[in-house]
Amino acid sequence: MILLSGFEPFDGDPTNPSWGAVQAARDILRAEGLKVEALELPCVFGESVQVLRREIARLRPALVIGAGLAGGRDRLSLERVAINCDDARIPDNAGNRPVDEEVVPGGPAAYFSTLPVKAALRALQIAGLRAEVSQTAGTYVCNHVFYGLMHHLATDGRGSRGGFIHVPREAQAGTPGMSLQDMGEGIAVVARTALATAQDVKVSAGAIH
């Protein structure tokens, strides 16, 4: 079982492409015979992780991939690390605006994705989809969910794998972005790669700054 999650709209936007991309990926993977569920998360600190954990407990997936919007990027960002820090530049959809608070009090400083991000990057490039390995998921609700997910997977003892992908905005004339179908195919590529790859490849995908 694969569980994919995206977010509801936030910050006044009418839609959130992460949810559309997750739905597209679900449909692509289901057409290939895989068991996949998609979950729309509230863009709310605390509640988002609670909703995700309930669905994980219900479905018991082997693979969990979260997705969220990074509006300033023009490609799929495979997030490498989640940090134990909530520091909101804007309020969430419930008006919460935590500053310098831990996602999990007393938890580790960070968790690394357990997706094969380097192998997935290579697969995305072969598929002709723009992608990168990102060294930061920010400090807003995306990172909050990413950290909460990895903490849950690290402590529940089931050995499930998980990680997070940032998607860009939908492509429009004169602005960077991708189509929802390409985003969905990209998430599907990552899921397929994770299912087929036990040990990540060792290739350079770091950053100078």
C-alpha atoms as a PDB file:
ATOM      1  CA  MET A   1       0.000   0.000   0.000  1.00  0.00           C
ATOM      2  CA  ILE A   2       1.206   3.502  -0.912  1.00  0.00           C
ATOM      3  CA  LEU A   3      -0.147   6.592   0.825  1.00  0.00           C
ATOM      4  CA  LEU A   4       0.259   9.953  -0.900  1.00  0.00           C
ATOM      5  CA  SER A   5      -0.625  13.248   0.760  1.00  0.00           C
ATOM      6  CA  GLY A   6      -1.078  16.793  -0.498  1.00  0.00           C
ATOM      7  CA  PHE A   7      -2.382  19.991   1.038  1.00  0.00           C
ATOM      8  CA  GLU A   8      -5.498  22.097   0.899  1.00  0.00           C
ATOM      9  CA  PRO A   9      -5.118  25.673  -0.427  1.00  0.00           C
ATOM     10  CA  PHE A  10      -3.495  28.252   1.850  1.00  0.00           C
ATOM     11  CA  ASP A  11      -2.483  31.910   1.948  1.00  0.00           C
ATOM     12  CA  GLY A  12      -5.510  32.961  -0.101  1.00  0.00           C
ATOM     13  CA  ASP A  13      -4.839  30.744  -3.133  1.00  0.00           C
ATOM     14  CA  PRO A  14      -7.936  29.026  -4.588  1.00  0.00           C
ATOM     15  CA  THR A  15      -6.134  25.721  -5.222  1.00  0.00           C
ATOM     16  CA  ASN A  16      -3.011  23.887  -4.116  1.00  0.00           C
ATOM     17  CA  PRO A  17      -1.199  22.011  -6.897  1.00  0.00           C
ATOM     18  CA  SER A  18       0.239  19.505  -4.430  1.00  0.00           C
ATOM     19  CA  TRP A  19      -3.230  17.997  -3.990  1.00  0.00           C
ATOM     20  CA  GLY A  20      -3.910  17.898  -7.737  1.00  0.00           C
ATOM     21  CA  ALA A  21      -0.488  16.331  -8.339  1.00  0.00           C
ATOM     22  CA  VAL A  22      -1.086  13.665  -5.687  1.00  0.00           C
ATOM     23  CA  GLN A  23      -4.456  12.783  -7.212  1.00  0.00           C
ATOM     24  CA  ALA A  24      -2.835  12.495 -10.646  1.00  0.00           C
ATOM     25  CA  ALA A  25      -0.084  10.257  -9.234  1.00  0.00           C
ATOM     26  CA  ARG A  26      -2.661   8.087  -7.485  1.00  0.00           C
ATOM     27  CA  ASP A  27      -4.537   7.538 -10.735  1.00  0.00           C
ATOM     28  CA  ILE A  28      -1.346   6.756 -12.674  1.00  0.00           C
ATOM     29  CA  LEU A  29      -0.179   4.203 -10.122  1.00  0.00           C
ATOM     30  CA  ARG A  30      -3.595   2.615  -9.711  1.00  0.00           C
ATOM     31  CA  ALA A  31      -3.736   2.112 -13.488  1.00  0.00           C
ATOM     32  CA  GLU A  32      -0.515   0.094 -13.095  1.00  0.00           C
ATOM     33  CA  GLY A  33      -2.187  -2.199 -10.564  1.00  0.00           C
ATOM     34  CA  LEU A  34      -0.741  -0.708  -7.378  1.00  0.00           C
ATOM     35  CA  LYS A  35      -2.757  -0.067  -4.219  1.00  0.00           C
ATOM     36  CA  VAL A  36      -2.625   3.675  -3.607  1.00  0.00           C
ATOM     37  CA  GLU A  37      -4.603   6.107  -1.478  1.00  0.00           C
ATOM     38  CA  ALA A  38      -4.454   9.909  -1.547  1.00  0.00           C
ATOM     39  CA  LEU A  39      -5.084  12.181   1.424  1.00  0.00           C
ATOM     40  CA  GLU A  40      -5.669  15.941   1.469  1.00  0.00           C
ATOM     41  CA  LEU A  41      -4.156  17.460   4.612  1.00  0.00           C
ATOM     42  CA  PRO A  42      -5.220  20.677   6.333  1.00  0.00           C
ATOM     43  CA  CYS A  43      -2.590  23.391   6.149  1.00  0.00           C
ATOM     44  CA  VAL A  44      -2.546  23.605   9.923  1.00  0.00           C
ATOM     45  CA  PHE A  45       0.270  22.958  12.375  1.00  0.00           C
ATOM     46  CA  GLY A  46      -0.471  19.962  14.602  1.00  0.00           C
ATOM     47  CA  GLU A  47      -3.736  18.920  12.954  1.00  0.00           C
ATOM     48  CA  SER A  48      -2.005  18.034   9.673  1.00  0.00           C
ATOM     49  CA  VAL A  49       0.259  15.482  11.362  1.00  0.00           C
ATOM     50  CA  GLN A  50      -2.622  14.080  13.406  1.00  0.00           C
ATOM     51  CA  VAL A  51      -4.690  13.499  10.261  1.00  0.00           C
ATOM     52  CA  LEU A  52      -1.736  11.854   8.516  1.00  0.00           C
ATOM     53  CA  ARG A  53      -0.968   9.581  11.465  1.00  0.00           C
ATOM     54  CA  ARG A  54      -4.596   8.432  11.671  1.00  0.00           C
ATOM     55  CA  GLU A  55      -4.546   7.468   7.994  1.00  0.00           C
ATOM     56  CA  ILE A  56      -1.238   5.638   8.397  1.00  0.00           C
ATOM     57  CA  ALA A  57      -2.709   3.685  11.323  1.00  0.00           C
ATOM     58  CA  ARG A  58      -5.762   2.802   9.225  1.00  0.00           C
ATOM     59  CA  LEU A  59      -3.984   1.828   6.001  1.00  0.00           C
ATOM     60  CA  ARG A  60      -0.623   0.570   7.310  1.00  0.00           C
ATOM     61  CA  PRO A  61       1.173   1.612   4.115  1.00  0.00           C
ATOM     62  CA  ALA A  62       4.661   0.419   3.212  1.00  0.00           C
ATOM     63  CA  LEU A  63       5.439   3.763   1.569  1.00  0.00           C
ATOM     64  CA  VAL A  64       4.303   7.296   2.460  1.00  0.00           C
ATOM     65  CA  ILE A  65       5.100  10.277   0.242  1.00  0.00           C
ATOM     66  CA  GLY A  66       4.001  13.759   1.207  1.00  0.00           C
ATOM     67  CA  ALA A  67       3.791  16.641  -1.242  1.00  0.00           C
ATOM     68  CA  GLY A  68       3.520  20.383  -0.756  1.00  0.00           C
ATOM     69  CA  LEU A  69       3.829  23.622  -2.685  1.00  0.00           C
ATOM     70  CA  ALA A  70       7.064  25.572  -3.037  1.00  0.00           C
ATOM     71  CA  GLY A  71       5.859  28.454  -5.159  1.00  0.00           C
ATOM     72  CA  GLY A  72       9.257  29.944  -5.917  1.00  0.00           C
ATOM     73  CA  ARG A  73      10.673  26.766  -7.442  1.00  0.00           C
ATOM     74  CA  ASP A  74      10.350  25.576 -11.026  1.00  0.00           C
ATOM     75  CA  ARG A  75      10.916  21.835 -10.553  1.00  0.00           C
ATOM     76  CA  LEU A  76      10.185  18.891  -8.301  1.00  0.00           C
ATOM     77  CA  SER A  77      12.257  19.087  -5.133  1.00  0.00           C
ATOM     78  CA  LEU A  78      13.086  15.807  -3.434  1.00  0.00           C
ATOM     79  CA  GLU A  79      13.543  16.866   0.163  1.00  0.00           C
ATOM     80  CA  ARG A  80      16.517  15.303   1.910  1.00  0.00           C
ATOM     81  CA  VAL A  81      16.038  16.441   5.517  1.00  0.00           C
ATOM     82  CA  ALA A  82      13.282  17.566   7.895  1.00  0.00           C
ATOM     83  CA  ILE A  83      14.206  19.701  10.901  1.00  0.00           C
ATOM     84  CA  ASN A  84      12.572  19.874  14.315  1.00  0.00           C
ATOM     85  CA  CYS A  85      11.595  23.521  13.991  1.00  0.00           C
ATOM     86  CA  ASP A  86       8.358  25.379  13.329  1.00  0.00           C
ATOM     87  CA  ASP A  87       8.993  29.016  12.406  1.00  0.00           C
ATOM     88  CA  ALA A  88       6.036  30.416  10.471  1.00  0.00           C
ATOM     89  CA  ARG A  89       6.412  33.508   8.309  1.00  0.00           C
ATOM     90  CA  ILE A  90       2.628  33.583   7.794  1.00  0.00           C
ATOM     91  CA  PRO A  91      -0.255  32.108   9.839  1.00  0.00           C
ATOM     92  CA  ASP A  92      -1.597  28.688   8.899  1.00  0.00           C
ATOM     93  CA  ASN A  93      -5.238  28.168   7.929  1.00  0.00           C
ATOM     94  CA  ALA A  94      -6.275  28.129  11.595  1.00  0.00           C
ATOM     95  CA  GLY A  95      -4.406  31.324  12.421  1.00  0.00           C
ATOM     96  CA  ASN A  96      -1.513  29.592  14.176  1.00  0.00           C
ATOM     97  CA  ARG A  97       1.921  31.160  13.777  1.00  0.00           C
ATOM     98  CA  PRO A  98       4.492  29.269  15.847  1.00  0.00           C
ATOM     99  CA  VAL A  99       7.946  30.811  16.102  1.00  0.00           C
ATOM    100  CA  ASP A 100      11.026  28.788  17.048  1.00  0.00           C
ATOM    101  CA  GLU A 101       8.977  25.876  18.405  1.00  0.00           C
ATOM    102  CA  GLU A 102       9.828  22.187  18.111  1.00  0.00           C
ATOM    103  CA  VAL A 103       7.654  19.980  15.930  1.00  0.00           C
ATOM    104  CA  VAL A 104       8.151  17.164  18.457  1.00  0.00           C
ATOM    105  CA  PRO A 105       9.299  18.426  21.870  1.00  0.00           C
ATOM    106  CA  GLY A 106      12.550  16.707  22.745  1.00  0.00           C
ATOM    107  CA  GLY A 107      12.762  14.979  19.382  1.00  0.00           C
ATOM    108  CA  PRO A 108      15.921  14.651  17.293  1.00  0.00           C
ATOM    109  CA  ALA A 109      17.180  17.807  15.581  1.00  0.00           C
ATOM    110  CA  ALA A 110      16.464  16.314  12.164  1.00  0.00           C
ATOM    111  CA  TYR A 111      15.387  13.267  10.207  1.00  0.00           C
ATOM    112  CA  PHE A 112      16.580  12.244   6.765  1.00  0.00           C
ATOM    113  CA  SER A 113      14.164  11.010   4.134  1.00  0.00           C
ATOM    114  CA  THR A 114      14.118   7.238   3.775  1.00  0.00           C
ATOM    115  CA  LEU A 115      13.239   7.519   0.092  1.00  0.00           C
ATOM    116  CA  PRO A 116      16.078   6.805  -2.361  1.00  0.00           C
ATOM    117  CA  VAL A 117      16.294  10.466  -3.344  1.00  0.00           C
ATOM    118  CA  LYS A 118      19.381  10.129  -5.575  1.00  0.00           C
ATOM    119  CA  ALA A 119      17.966   7.164  -7.505  1.00  0.00           C
ATOM    120  CA  ALA A 120      14.655   9.004  -7.804  1.00  0.00           C
ATOM    121  CA  LEU A 121      16.430  12.105  -9.113  1.00  0.00           C
ATOM    122  CA  ARG A 122      18.124  10.049 -11.792  1.00  0.00           C
ATOM    123  CA  ALA A 123      14.841   8.379 -12.746  1.00  0.00           C
ATOM    124  CA  LEU A 124      13.117  11.753 -13.011  1.00  0.00           C
ATOM    125  CA  GLN A 125      15.887  13.097 -15.215  1.00  0.00           C
ATOM    126  CA  ILE A 126      15.659  10.052 -17.478  1.00  0.00           C
ATOM    127  CA  ALA A 127      11.900  10.670 -17.712  1.00  0.00           C
ATOM    128  CA  GLY A 128      12.601  14.247 -18.835  1.00  0.00           C
ATOM    129  CA  LEU A 129      11.116  15.858 -15.722  1.00  0.00           C
ATOM    130  CA  ARG A 130      12.854  18.785 -14.026  1.00  0.00           C
ATOM    131  CA  ALA A 131      13.939  17.804 -10.535  1.00  0.00           C
ATOM    132  CA  GLU A 132      16.492  18.431  -7.807  1.00  0.00           C
ATOM    133  CA  VAL A 133      17.515  17.184  -4.388  1.00  0.00           C
ATOM    134  CA  SER A 134      16.636  19.955  -1.939  1.00  0.00           C
ATOM    135  CA  GLN A 135      18.490  20.478   1.317  1.00  0.00           C
ATOM    136  CA  THR A 136      15.671  22.384   3.045  1.00  0.00           C
ATOM    137  CA  ALA A 137      11.932  21.879   3.315  1.00  0.00           C
ATOM    138  CA  GLY A 138      11.512  25.256   5.008  1.00  0.00           C
ATOM    139  CA  THR A 139      10.005  25.765   8.461  1.00  0.00           C
ATOM    140  CA  TYR A 140       6.306  26.002   7.588  1.00  0.00           C
ATOM    141  CA  VAL A 141       3.630  23.280   7.524  1.00  0.00           C
ATOM    142  CA  CYS A 142       5.404  21.235   4.820  1.00  0.00           C
ATOM    143  CA  ASN A 143       8.460  20.718   6.996  1.00  0.00           C
ATOM    144  CA  HIS A 144       6.153  20.202   9.990  1.00  0.00           C
ATOM    145  CA  VAL A 145       4.419  17.307   8.205  1.00  0.00           C
ATOM    146  CA  PHE A 146       7.705  15.932   6.831  1.00  0.00           C
ATOM    147  CA  TYR A 147       9.287  15.874  10.292  1.00  0.00           C
ATOM    148  CA  GLY A 148       6.119  14.533  11.930  1.00  0.00           C
ATOM    149  CA  LEU A 149       5.916  11.771   9.335  1.00  0.00           C
ATOM    150  CA  MET A 150       9.541  10.726   9.724  1.00  0.00           C
ATOM    151  CA  HIS A 151       9.313  10.791  13.520  1.00  0.00           C
ATOM    152  CA  HIS A 152       6.239   8.582  13.388  1.00  0.00           C
ATOM    153  CA  LEU A 153       7.837   6.119  10.964  1.00  0.00           C
ATOM    154  CA  ALA A 154      11.024   6.034  13.042  1.00  0.00           C
ATOM    155  CA  THR A 155       9.174   5.215  16.259  1.00  0.00           C
ATOM    156  CA  ASP A 156       6.274   2.958  15.225  1.00  0.00           C
ATOM    157  CA  GLY A 157       8.522  -0.052  14.560  1.00  0.00           C
ATOM    158  CA  ARG A 158       6.914  -1.114  11.275  1.00  0.00           C
ATOM    159  CA  GLY A 159       9.796  -0.217   8.976  1.00  0.00           C
ATOM    160  CA  SER A 160       7.746   1.794   6.502  1.00  0.00           C
ATOM    161  CA  ARG A 161       9.598   4.259   4.289  1.00  0.00           C
ATOM    162  CA  GLY A 162       8.686   7.870   3.697  1.00  0.00           C
ATOM    163  CA  GLY A 163       9.675  11.288   2.499  1.00  0.00           C
ATOM    164  CA  PHE A 164       8.507  14.555   1.039  1.00  0.00           C
ATOM    165  CA  ILE A 165       8.423  16.269  -2.355  1.00  0.00           C
ATOM    166  CA  HIS A 166       7.873  19.957  -3.029  1.00  0.00           C
ATOM    167  CA  VAL A 167       6.080  20.780  -6.268  1.00  0.00           C
ATOM    168  CA  PRO A 168       6.099  24.121  -8.106  1.00  0.00           C
ATOM    169  CA  ARG A 169       3.065  26.128  -9.124  1.00  0.00           C
ATOM    170  CA  GLU A 170       1.124  25.110 -12.193  1.00  0.00           C
ATOM    171  CA  ALA A 171       2.763  26.404 -15.352  1.00  0.00           C
ATOM    172  CA  GLN A 172       1.292  29.593 -16.781  1.00  0.00           C
ATOM    173  CA  ALA A 173       2.447  31.896 -19.539  1.00  0.00           C
ATOM    174  CA  GLY A 174       5.505  33.828 -18.418  1.00  0.00           C
ATOM    175  CA  THR A 175       5.849  32.102 -15.034  1.00  0.00           C
ATOM    176  CA  PRO A 176       7.871  29.050 -14.023  1.00  0.00           C
ATOM    177  CA  GLY A 177       6.054  25.869 -13.113  1.00  0.00           C
ATOM    178  CA  MET A 178       4.891  22.471 -14.330  1.00  0.00           C
ATOM    179  CA  SER A 179       1.659  20.909 -15.460  1.00  0.00           C
ATOM    180  CA  LEU A 180      -0.292  18.891 -12.907  1.00  0.00           C
ATOM    181  CA  GLN A 181       0.117  15.831 -15.112  1.00  0.00           C
ATOM    182  CA  ASP A 182       3.904  16.180 -15.108  1.00  0.00           C
ATOM    183  CA  MET A 183       3.906  16.708 -11.345  1.00  0.00           C
ATOM    184  CA  GLY A 184       1.754  13.612 -10.930  1.00  0.00           C
ATOM    185  CA  GLU A 185       3.997  11.570 -13.192  1.00  0.00           C
ATOM    186  CA  GLY A 186       7.000  12.793 -11.227  1.00  0.00           C
ATOM    187  CA  ILE A 187       5.517  11.662  -7.920  1.00  0.00           C
ATOM    188  CA  ALA A 188       4.658   8.330  -9.535  1.00  0.00           C
ATOM    189  CA  VAL A 189       8.279   7.994 -10.721  1.00  0.00           C
ATOM    190  CA  VAL A 190       9.485   8.552  -7.158  1.00  0.00           C
ATOM    191  CA  ALA A 191       7.044   5.963  -5.807  1.00  0.00           C
ATOM    192  CA  ARG A 192       8.070   3.375  -8.412  1.00  0.00           C
ATOM    193  CA  THR A 193      11.743   4.032  -7.719  1.00  0.00           C
ATOM    194  CA  ALA A 194      11.246   3.674  -3.966  1.00  0.00           C
ATOM    195  CA  LEU A 195       9.471   0.347  -4.412  1.00  0.00           C
ATOM    196  CA  ALA A 196      12.259  -0.963  -6.656  1.00  0.00           C
ATOM    197  CA  THR A 197      15.296   0.460  -4.817  1.00  0.00           C
ATOM    198  CA  ALA A 198      16.455  -0.909  -1.484  1.00  0.00           C
ATOM    199  CA  GLN A 199      19.786   0.963  -1.457  1.00  0.00           C
ATOM    200  CA  ASP A 200      20.108   4.486  -2.822  1.00  0.00           C
ATOM    201  CA  VAL A 201      22.743   5.250  -5.449  1.00  0.00           C
ATOM    202  CA  LYS A 202      25.718   7.424  -4.601  1.00  0.00           C
ATOM    203  CA  VAL A 203      25.788  10.345  -7.023  1.00  0.00           C
ATOM    204  CA  SER A 204      26.414  14.022  -6.458  1.00  0.00           C
ATOM    205  CA  ALA A 205      23.321  16.143  -5.896  1.00  0.00           C
ATOM    206  CA  GLY A 206      24.536  18.511  -3.185  1.00  0.00           C
ATOM    207  CA  ALA A 207      24.494  22.273  -2.933  1.00  0.00           C
ATOM    208  CA  ILE A 208      27.151  24.934  -2.329  1.00  0.00           C
ATOM    209  CA  HIS A 209      24.700  27.230  -0.535  1.00  0.00           C
END
